[in-house]
Amino acid sequence: MRTVLAVIAFAFPSVAAIAQPVPASPPAPAPLPPGQVVPVGAEPPFLQPGKEVSQPLTPVGPMPGDREPLPAKPEPKLEPPPPPDAKPVPELKPAVEVKLGSPDRPHGPLGPNWSSYELLYWWPMRQPVPPLVSGTRTGLPPVFGDPGTTQLVGGRAIGSDPSAGGRFTIGSSLNSSETLGYEITYMFLGTRTFRERVTDLSGPVRSFGLPYTNATTGANEYLTLAQPGVNSSLFTVSASTRVQGWEVNTVANLVDDKSLKINALAGWRYFQVHEGLRLEQTQLRFADMPGIARTADQFDAHNRFHGGQLGLHADARRGSVFCEMTAKVAFGQNYEVVKNEGMTVFQTPVLGGLATQGIGGSGIYVQPSNAGRTANGVFAVVPEGTIKFGFRLGDSGRVYFGYTFIYLSDAVRPGDQIDRTLNPSQIPIVNGIGAAVVSDRPARIVNRSDFWTQGLIIGLETRY
């Protein structure tokens, strides 16, 4: 039965195909008569218009499994080989930029804030003093040209003692990169007084006096202060000096290297020098006008400098050791004041005590003709140089020692203002208390020179 069904299934398609109707073919063209030729173009086309033999082809998409074409590889660029003597070029590595605020560099060149505290031990320039006191050991009055007359005080600069002081600086940055800032500095030297004394009451000197030029005769003479049997005297010369100043500067960083830092300074400076020279004598009179006579001559010289300032500051470092150098120069006006004052006091014995009489404005070298105050303003220059050596204390502190020199190009000094040309009739201890004789000597003079101070410094610097 299965065999019969298989034969039927196999034969069924063939029978169905035979049973299909055969399509009608177009009629064959009629044969041409003999000798007739069909003209060109008269033959009907093989395909009639409107009777396509097949349907339009639909586009075929990519088949599953097809691969996209691989991109073409760029051909390698061939460069000519280097010449035999060419040196290999080292590979350049990108520079490492250290930004402000990073652990390697927490602050800029100046830092947010800074301050320094310095102890000064300086030697101001000694004061020039003319010859003031000459004496003898024989008891005879001093005489010019006498080999036995010796100069005791003056004729040289006096006051060589050092003076202690301080210098303090505070500063702060003005921008976020800490390359521009300002600083304020104040310095001072304590007043130091130097004294020299001469007396006939002790020591080898038996007689002494003050030299002067007689304004009437022009002769060089001595005003005798001590002579055996006539009078005894104590003469004291005191010289004092005080220095102080301040400055305000703008600070700009120019070079900031690992081992070197350079800053520029520009600002304003004030520098003040006050000096005094005082001549005092106390005389015991035995023969002429018995009693006590005291005289005092005071010469003061004040210098006040104001001016603009420029400078450079260099700081070289190696490890924890550093060397710092600062150079500054200021240009401006020095306001100079000279003041002379004199005084004489007589004390005479009276019943039950001493009668005191005083004369103001008259001493020995200061008389009414030169007493008073004189002021002038002159151009001056103040340069300063400082060098320091020290050690770092971590990242925020340093200790150091160093040296500083300051110079004032034009200054008045008290010892230069003494006019030793005197009119004896004006001197109270010569003529006593009476009507003063009008004279133009001693004269009020203003002599100028220079001034400097120098010394050692020990300091501590902090940055925060």
Protein backbone atom coordinates (compact mmCIF):
# COMPACT_ATOMS: atom_id res chain seq x y z
CA MET A 1 0.00 0.00 0.00
CA ARG A 2 2.86 2.34 0.90
CA THR A 3 4.47 1.54 -2.45
CA VAL A 4 1.34 2.50 -4.39
CA LEU A 5 1.06 5.83 -2.55
CA ALA A 6 4.68 6.68 -3.28
CA VAL A 7 4.25 6.01 -6.97
CA ILE A 8 1.15 8.23 -7.09
CA ALA A 9 2.93 11.09 -5.27
CA PHE A 10 5.89 10.89 -7.60
CA ALA A 11 3.80 10.83 -10.77
CA PHE A 12 1.35 13.58 -9.75
CA PRO A 13 3.58 16.58 -10.56
CA SER A 14 4.47 15.21 -13.97
CA VAL A 15 0.84 14.66 -14.88
CA ALA A 16 -0.05 18.17 -13.64
CA ALA A 17 2.63 19.68 -15.79
CA ILE A 18 1.41 17.84 -18.86
CA ALA A 19 -2.11 18.98 -18.23
CA GLN A 20 -1.18 22.72 -18.26
CA PRO A 21 -2.32 24.67 -21.38
CA VAL A 22 0.43 25.61 -23.83
CA PRO A 23 0.67 29.41 -24.33
CA ALA A 24 -0.14 30.64 -27.76
CA SER A 25 2.83 31.82 -29.70
CA PRO A 26 2.55 34.78 -32.03
CA PRO A 27 1.65 33.90 -35.57
CA ALA A 28 4.56 33.43 -37.88
CA PRO A 29 4.98 36.16 -40.44
CA ALA A 30 3.68 35.46 -43.90
CA PRO A 31 6.29 34.41 -46.39
CA LEU A 32 7.39 37.07 -48.86
CA PRO A 33 6.95 36.60 -52.48
CA PRO A 34 10.03 35.66 -54.34
CA GLY A 35 12.23 38.57 -55.23
CA GLN A 36 10.74 41.01 -52.63
CA VAL A 37 13.06 42.49 -50.04
CA VAL A 38 11.90 43.81 -46.71
CA PRO A 39 13.14 47.42 -46.28
CA VAL A 40 15.37 48.31 -43.33
CA GLY A 41 13.33 49.40 -40.39
CA ALA A 42 10.18 47.77 -41.62
CA GLU A 43 10.90 44.58 -39.72
CA PRO A 44 8.86 44.55 -36.53
CA PRO A 45 10.90 44.71 -33.31
CA PHE A 46 11.61 41.57 -31.43
CA LEU A 47 10.18 43.03 -28.25
CA GLN A 48 6.90 44.83 -28.55
CA PRO A 49 6.41 47.94 -26.40
CA GLY A 50 4.45 47.28 -23.28
CA LYS A 51 5.14 43.57 -23.30
CA GLU A 52 8.06 43.08 -20.86
CA VAL A 53 9.34 39.61 -20.50
CA SER A 54 10.21 39.99 -16.83
CA GLN A 55 9.44 42.10 -13.73
CA PRO A 56 11.84 44.85 -12.46
CA LEU A 57 14.67 43.57 -10.26
CA THR A 58 14.46 44.48 -6.56
CA PRO A 59 17.68 45.63 -4.95
CA VAL A 60 19.46 42.97 -2.98
CA GLY A 61 20.74 43.95 0.50
CA PRO A 62 23.70 42.50 2.28
CA MET A 63 23.36 38.92 3.03
CA PRO A 64 23.91 37.55 6.50
CA GLY A 65 27.51 36.63 7.06
CA ASP A 66 28.84 39.29 4.68
CA ARG A 67 31.79 41.38 6.19
CA GLU A 68 32.46 45.04 5.72
CA PRO A 69 35.69 45.84 3.95
CA LEU A 70 38.60 46.51 6.31
CA PRO A 71 40.03 50.07 6.31
CA ALA A 72 43.15 50.45 4.32
CA LYS A 73 46.31 50.70 6.40
CA PRO A 74 48.35 53.87 5.86
CA GLU A 75 51.57 53.22 4.17
CA PRO A 76 54.60 53.85 6.41
CA LYS A 77 56.48 57.09 5.79
CA LEU A 78 60.01 56.42 4.85
CA GLU A 79 62.52 59.06 6.06
CA PRO A 80 66.02 59.27 4.78
CA PRO A 81 68.59 57.82 7.16
CA PRO A 82 70.58 60.39 9.28
CA PRO A 83 74.12 61.18 8.22
CA PRO A 84 76.85 59.10 9.84
CA ASP A 85 78.15 62.02 11.98
CA ALA A 86 74.74 63.05 13.34
CA LYS A 87 74.32 62.97 17.12
CA PRO A 88 71.20 61.48 18.67
CA VAL A 89 68.72 64.09 19.88
CA PRO A 90 67.81 63.52 23.53
CA GLU A 91 64.18 63.08 24.31
CA LEU A 92 62.70 66.21 25.88
CA LYS A 93 60.64 65.60 28.96
CA PRO A 94 57.85 68.00 29.84
CA ALA A 95 58.80 70.52 32.52
CA VAL A 96 57.31 70.02 35.94
CA GLU A 97 55.42 73.14 36.95
CA VAL A 98 55.37 73.84 40.67
CA LYS A 99 52.30 75.89 41.44
CA LEU A 100 51.96 78.33 44.31
CA GLY A 101 50.29 76.61 47.22
CA SER A 102 51.64 73.14 46.44
CA PRO A 103 53.57 71.21 49.12
CA ASP A 104 56.83 71.90 47.26
CA ARG A 105 56.22 75.67 47.31
CA PRO A 106 53.66 76.82 49.86
CA HIS A 107 54.44 80.56 49.43
CA GLY A 108 55.65 83.05 46.83
CA PRO A 109 59.04 84.81 46.72
CA LEU A 110 58.15 87.33 49.42
CA GLY A 111 55.76 85.29 51.52
CA PRO A 112 52.45 86.51 52.96
CA ASN A 113 54.02 88.42 55.89
CA TRP A 114 57.47 88.87 57.34
CA SER A 115 59.23 90.63 60.22
CA SER A 116 62.73 90.99 61.63
CA TYR A 117 64.12 92.02 65.01
CA GLU A 118 67.72 93.20 65.24
CA LEU A 119 70.02 94.17 68.10
CA LEU A 120 72.48 96.91 67.08
CA TYR A 121 75.92 97.58 68.54
CA TRP A 122 77.19 100.56 66.57
CA TRP A 123 79.93 103.18 66.64
CA PRO A 124 78.73 106.65 65.59
CA MET A 125 81.28 109.01 64.09
CA ARG A 126 83.19 110.85 66.81
CA GLN A 127 82.59 114.56 67.28
CA PRO A 128 85.23 117.04 66.12
CA VAL A 129 86.26 119.40 68.90
CA PRO A 130 88.69 122.35 68.60
CA PRO A 131 91.47 122.82 71.20
CA LEU A 132 89.68 123.75 74.43
CA VAL A 133 91.89 123.26 77.48
CA SER A 134 95.67 123.60 77.91
CA GLY A 135 97.61 123.36 81.17
CA THR A 136 100.95 123.28 82.91
CA ARG A 137 102.49 121.30 85.76
CA THR A 138 104.52 124.20 87.11
CA GLY A 139 101.60 126.23 88.38
CA LEU A 140 102.27 129.08 85.97
CA PRO A 141 99.46 130.16 83.64
CA PRO A 142 99.52 128.48 80.20
CA VAL A 143 101.19 130.46 77.43
CA PHE A 144 101.11 129.93 73.66
CA GLY A 145 104.45 128.68 72.42
CA ASP A 146 105.67 127.66 75.88
CA PRO A 147 107.09 124.09 75.85
CA GLY A 148 105.63 123.58 79.32
CA THR A 149 102.09 124.18 78.09
CA THR A 150 100.27 120.98 77.13
CA GLN A 151 96.97 120.58 75.34
CA LEU A 152 94.61 118.62 77.58
CA VAL A 153 91.16 118.61 75.91
CA GLY A 154 90.15 119.07 72.28
CA GLY A 155 92.14 119.33 69.11
CA ARG A 156 90.83 115.89 68.11
CA ALA A 157 87.58 113.99 67.77
CA ILE A 158 86.06 112.71 71.00
CA GLY A 159 83.39 110.19 71.88
CA SER A 160 84.46 106.72 70.75
CA ASP A 161 82.14 104.63 72.92
CA PRO A 162 79.75 102.26 71.09
CA SER A 163 76.00 102.62 71.40
CA ALA A 164 73.34 99.91 71.60
CA GLY A 165 70.03 100.09 69.77
CA GLY A 166 67.52 98.19 67.72
CA ARG A 167 66.04 97.89 64.24
CA PHE A 168 62.61 96.41 63.52
CA THR A 169 60.96 95.61 60.18
CA ILE A 170 57.47 94.40 59.29
CA GLY A 171 56.20 93.67 55.78
CA SER A 172 53.33 92.13 53.85
CA SER A 173 52.53 91.08 50.28
CA LEU A 174 50.09 93.05 48.16
CA ASN A 175 49.16 90.43 45.53
CA SER A 176 48.19 86.77 45.48
CA SER A 177 51.41 85.63 43.79
CA GLU A 178 53.41 87.28 46.62
CA THR A 179 55.80 89.09 44.28
CA LEU A 180 54.89 92.66 45.31
CA GLY A 181 54.70 94.01 48.84
CA TYR A 182 55.68 96.74 51.26
CA GLU A 183 57.77 96.97 54.42
CA ILE A 184 58.25 99.48 57.25
CA THR A 185 61.51 99.79 59.19
CA TYR A 186 62.36 101.74 62.34
CA MET A 187 65.82 101.95 63.89
CA PHE A 188 67.38 103.80 66.81
CA LEU A 189 70.60 104.11 68.76
CA GLY A 190 70.42 104.95 72.43
CA THR A 191 71.85 108.29 73.53
CA ARG A 192 75.48 107.86 74.47
CA THR A 193 77.35 110.57 76.39
CA PHE A 194 81.14 110.82 76.46
CA ARG A 195 82.88 112.97 79.10
CA GLU A 196 86.36 114.32 79.72
CA ARG A 197 87.36 116.18 82.91
CA VAL A 198 90.27 118.38 83.92
CA THR A 199 90.93 119.70 87.43
CA ASP A 200 93.83 121.08 89.43
CA LEU A 201 92.54 119.57 92.67
CA SER A 202 93.96 116.15 91.82
CA GLY A 203 96.52 114.96 89.33
CA PRO A 204 99.66 116.51 87.89
CA VAL A 205 98.02 119.60 86.36
CA ARG A 206 98.49 122.68 88.54
CA SER A 207 97.18 125.38 86.23
CA PHE A 208 95.02 125.41 83.08
CA GLY A 209 92.94 127.73 80.92
CA LEU A 210 90.86 128.06 77.73
CA PRO A 211 92.51 129.33 74.53
CA TYR A 212 90.88 132.12 72.52
CA THR A 213 91.71 134.91 70.06
CA ASN A 214 91.21 138.42 71.39
CA ALA A 215 88.72 140.15 69.08
CA THR A 216 90.16 143.56 70.01
CA THR A 217 93.90 142.90 69.66
CA GLY A 218 93.92 139.76 67.50
CA ALA A 219 96.36 138.07 69.90
CA ASN A 220 96.07 134.44 71.03
CA GLU A 221 95.51 134.33 74.77
CA TYR A 222 94.35 132.01 77.57
CA LEU A 223 91.45 132.57 79.91
CA THR A 224 92.95 131.15 83.11
CA LEU A 225 90.53 129.00 85.11
CA ALA A 226 92.88 127.44 87.67
CA GLN A 227 96.03 128.90 89.24
CA PRO A 228 97.53 128.08 92.62
CA GLY A 229 96.52 130.58 95.29
CA VAL A 230 94.08 132.38 93.01
CA ASN A 231 91.38 129.89 92.04
CA SER A 232 90.71 126.20 91.44
CA SER A 233 88.46 124.75 88.79
CA LEU A 234 86.80 121.63 87.43
CA PHE A 235 86.23 121.67 83.67
CA THR A 236 84.01 119.05 81.97
CA VAL A 237 83.40 118.37 78.28
CA SER A 238 80.34 116.22 77.44
CA ALA A 239 79.54 114.97 73.94
CA SER A 240 76.25 113.17 73.22
CA THR A 241 74.89 111.54 70.07
CA ARG A 242 71.47 110.13 69.24
CA VAL A 243 70.53 108.48 65.94
CA GLN A 244 67.14 107.25 64.77
CA GLY A 245 65.19 106.85 61.55
CA TRP A 246 62.42 105.11 59.68
CA GLU A 247 61.67 104.11 56.11
CA VAL A 248 58.73 102.85 54.08
CA ASN A 249 59.55 100.82 50.96
CA THR A 250 57.73 99.02 48.19
CA VAL A 251 59.29 95.60 47.52
CA ALA A 252 59.15 93.90 44.10
CA ASN A 253 60.68 90.51 43.33
CA LEU A 254 62.94 90.45 40.26
CA VAL A 255 64.62 87.03 40.46
CA ASP A 256 63.28 83.96 42.24
CA ASP A 257 65.66 81.05 41.82
CA LYS A 258 66.30 78.05 44.00
CA SER A 259 69.58 79.52 45.24
CA LEU A 260 69.17 83.26 44.56
CA LYS A 261 66.48 85.84 45.16
CA ILE A 262 66.73 89.51 44.15
CA ASN A 263 64.23 92.20 45.17
CA ALA A 264 64.01 95.86 44.19
CA LEU A 265 63.18 98.55 46.76
CA ALA A 266 61.65 102.00 46.30
CA GLY A 267 60.28 104.26 49.00
CA TRP A 268 60.84 107.12 51.43
CA ARG A 269 63.45 107.56 54.16
CA TYR A 270 63.77 109.69 57.29
CA PHE A 271 67.14 109.83 59.06
CA GLN A 272 67.84 111.92 62.16
CA VAL A 273 71.10 112.74 63.96
CA HIS A 274 71.08 114.84 67.13
CA GLU A 275 74.41 115.79 68.70
CA GLY A 276 75.27 117.97 71.65
CA LEU A 277 78.49 119.41 73.04
CA ARG A 278 78.45 120.93 76.53
CA LEU A 279 81.33 122.82 78.19
CA GLU A 280 80.92 123.27 81.96
CA GLN A 281 83.26 124.68 84.54
CA THR A 282 82.97 125.27 88.26
CA GLN A 283 85.51 127.70 89.69
CA LEU A 284 86.38 128.37 93.33
CA ARG A 285 87.60 131.94 93.70
CA PHE A 286 89.93 132.86 96.53
CA ALA A 287 91.40 136.29 95.81
CA ASP A 288 89.34 138.17 93.21
CA MET A 289 85.57 138.18 93.78
CA PRO A 290 85.58 135.29 96.29
CA GLY A 291 82.89 132.71 95.86
CA ILE A 292 81.84 130.16 93.25
CA ALA A 293 81.42 130.85 89.53
CA ARG A 294 79.73 128.37 87.25
CA THR A 295 79.55 128.64 83.47
CA ALA A 296 77.97 126.47 80.79
CA ASP A 297 78.14 126.60 76.99
CA GLN A 298 75.76 124.34 75.08
CA PHE A 299 76.10 123.69 71.33
CA ASP A 300 73.39 121.53 69.71
CA ALA A 301 73.29 120.33 66.11
CA HIS A 302 70.17 118.67 64.68
CA ASN A 303 70.04 116.95 61.28
CA ARG A 304 66.71 115.73 59.87
CA PHE A 305 66.90 114.12 56.45
CA HIS A 306 63.87 113.37 54.24
CA GLY A 307 64.18 111.84 50.78
CA GLY A 308 63.21 109.24 48.22
CA GLN A 309 65.05 105.95 48.29
CA LEU A 310 66.01 103.18 45.83
CA GLY A 311 67.72 99.90 46.56
CA LEU A 312 68.42 96.26 45.79
CA HIS A 313 68.27 93.25 48.07
CA ALA A 314 70.00 89.95 47.19
CA ASP A 315 69.61 86.69 49.11
CA ALA A 316 71.90 83.76 48.18
CA ARG A 317 71.07 80.38 49.73
CA ARG A 318 72.72 77.00 49.87
CA GLY A 319 71.07 74.44 52.06
CA SER A 320 70.42 75.97 55.47
CA VAL A 321 73.12 78.67 55.08
CA PHE A 322 72.45 82.05 53.47
CA CYS A 323 74.16 85.34 52.70
CA GLU A 324 72.06 88.48 52.35
CA MET A 325 73.21 91.84 50.96
CA THR A 326 71.28 95.11 50.80
CA ALA A 327 72.31 98.37 49.13
CA LYS A 328 70.16 101.51 49.36
CA VAL A 329 70.62 105.18 48.53
CA ALA A 330 68.31 108.08 49.39
CA PHE A 331 68.30 111.56 47.83
CA GLY A 332 66.61 114.50 49.53
CA GLN A 333 66.90 117.49 51.83
CA ASN A 334 68.65 117.66 55.19
CA TYR A 335 67.05 120.21 57.50
CA GLU A 336 69.91 121.48 59.69
CA VAL A 337 69.45 123.36 62.97
CA VAL A 338 72.24 124.84 65.12
CA LYS A 339 71.40 126.15 68.58
CA ASN A 340 73.82 127.90 70.99
CA GLU A 341 73.07 128.65 74.64
CA GLY A 342 75.17 130.05 77.47
CA MET A 343 74.80 130.70 81.17
CA THR A 344 76.82 132.06 84.10
CA VAL A 345 75.95 131.79 87.79
CA PHE A 346 77.75 133.53 90.66
CA GLN A 347 77.44 132.43 94.26
CA THR A 348 78.97 134.83 96.77
CA PRO A 349 79.20 134.25 100.51
CA VAL A 350 76.87 136.31 102.67
CA LEU A 351 75.93 136.16 106.27
CA GLY A 352 74.12 132.88 106.75
CA GLY A 353 74.74 131.41 103.28
CA LEU A 354 75.42 132.15 99.62
CA ALA A 355 73.86 134.79 97.40
CA THR A 356 73.15 133.54 93.89
CA GLN A 357 73.10 135.67 90.77
CA GLY A 358 72.65 134.37 87.24
CA ILE A 359 73.27 135.73 83.78
CA GLY A 360 71.46 134.07 80.91
CA GLY A 361 72.77 134.01 77.37
CA SER A 362 76.41 134.43 78.38
CA GLY A 363 78.93 131.71 79.14
CA ILE A 364 82.47 131.71 77.76
CA TYR A 365 82.26 130.65 74.10
CA VAL A 366 78.57 131.59 73.86
CA GLN A 367 77.76 135.28 74.18
CA PRO A 368 74.77 137.40 73.10
CA SER A 369 76.41 137.85 69.69
CA ASN A 370 76.16 134.15 68.80
CA ALA A 371 73.43 132.83 71.09
CA GLY A 372 70.28 131.60 69.39
CA ARG A 373 69.06 129.28 66.68
CA THR A 374 70.01 128.97 62.99
CA ALA A 375 68.23 126.71 60.48
CA ASN A 376 69.00 125.77 56.87
CA GLY A 377 67.94 123.16 54.34
CA VAL A 378 70.53 121.57 52.04
CA PHE A 379 70.63 118.72 49.54
CA ALA A 380 72.10 115.50 50.93
CA VAL A 381 72.55 111.83 50.07
CA VAL A 382 72.17 108.90 52.48
CA PRO A 383 73.59 105.58 51.23
CA GLU A 384 73.38 102.39 53.31
CA GLY A 385 75.00 98.98 52.94
CA THR A 386 74.25 95.80 54.92
CA ILE A 387 75.62 92.27 54.76
CA LYS A 388 74.29 89.33 56.78
CA PHE A 389 75.27 85.68 57.29
CA GLY A 390 72.98 83.20 58.94
CA PHE A 391 71.15 79.90 59.18
CA ARG A 392 67.60 78.84 58.43
CA LEU A 393 65.32 77.59 61.19
CA GLY A 394 62.89 75.48 59.19
CA ASP A 395 60.74 77.18 56.57
CA SER A 396 59.66 80.21 58.60
CA GLY A 397 62.64 81.48 60.60
CA ARG A 398 66.25 82.59 60.24
CA VAL A 399 68.96 83.83 62.62
CA TYR A 400 71.89 85.91 61.45
CA PHE A 401 74.68 88.32 62.29
CA GLY A 402 76.07 91.06 60.09
CA TYR A 403 77.36 94.59 59.55
CA THR A 404 75.72 97.89 58.50
CA PHE A 405 77.16 101.23 57.36
CA ILE A 406 75.08 104.44 56.97
CA TYR A 407 76.46 107.74 55.68
CA LEU A 408 75.04 111.30 55.64
CA SER A 409 76.79 113.44 53.04
CA ASP A 410 76.01 116.87 54.56
CA ALA A 411 75.59 117.46 58.28
CA VAL A 412 76.19 120.02 61.00
CA ARG A 413 78.30 118.98 63.99
CA PRO A 414 78.29 120.91 67.29
CA GLY A 415 82.07 121.14 67.67
CA ASP A 416 82.33 122.88 64.29
CA GLN A 417 80.11 125.75 65.45
CA ILE A 418 82.47 127.14 68.14
CA ASP A 419 83.92 130.54 67.33
CA ARG A 420 86.99 130.98 69.55
CA THR A 421 87.37 134.69 68.74
CA LEU A 422 86.12 136.42 71.89
CA ASN A 423 85.80 139.89 73.28
CA PRO A 424 86.98 139.63 76.93
CA SER A 425 84.74 142.52 77.94
CA GLN A 426 81.68 140.31 77.24
CA ILE A 427 82.80 137.41 79.47
CA PRO A 428 81.09 137.63 82.90
CA ILE A 429 83.74 135.65 84.81
CA VAL A 430 86.31 138.23 83.64
CA ASN A 431 84.39 141.46 84.29
CA GLY A 432 81.72 140.26 86.69
CA ILE A 433 78.07 141.20 86.44
CA GLY A 434 77.66 144.51 84.72
CA ALA A 435 76.60 146.18 81.52
CA ALA A 436 77.44 143.98 78.54
CA VAL A 437 79.68 145.43 75.87
CA VAL A 438 78.19 145.16 72.40
CA SER A 439 80.41 143.12 70.09
CA ASP A 440 79.99 141.02 66.96
CA ARG A 441 82.31 138.26 68.23
CA PRO A 442 81.92 135.43 68.83
CA ALA A 443 79.84 135.15 65.68
CA ARG A 444 77.01 132.78 64.89
CA ILE A 445 78.51 130.43 62.31
CA VAL A 446 77.28 127.34 60.48
CA ASN A 447 80.02 124.95 59.40
CA ARG A 448 79.12 121.71 57.64
CA SER A 449 80.81 118.35 57.35
CA ASP A 450 79.51 114.76 57.13
CA PHE A 451 78.42 111.96 59.45
CA TRP A 452 78.42 108.17 59.47
CA THR A 453 77.56 105.34 61.79
CA GLN A 454 78.47 101.68 61.54
CA GLY A 455 78.34 98.53 63.59
CA LEU A 456 77.33 94.94 64.18
CA ILE A 457 73.86 93.42 64.06
CA ILE A 458 72.35 90.23 65.47
CA GLY A 459 68.86 89.41 64.31
CA LEU A 460 65.93 87.04 63.94
CA GLU A 461 63.66 86.94 60.88
CA THR A 462 60.27 85.25 60.67
CA ARG A 463 57.85 84.66 57.78
CA TYR A 464 54.23 83.72 58.38
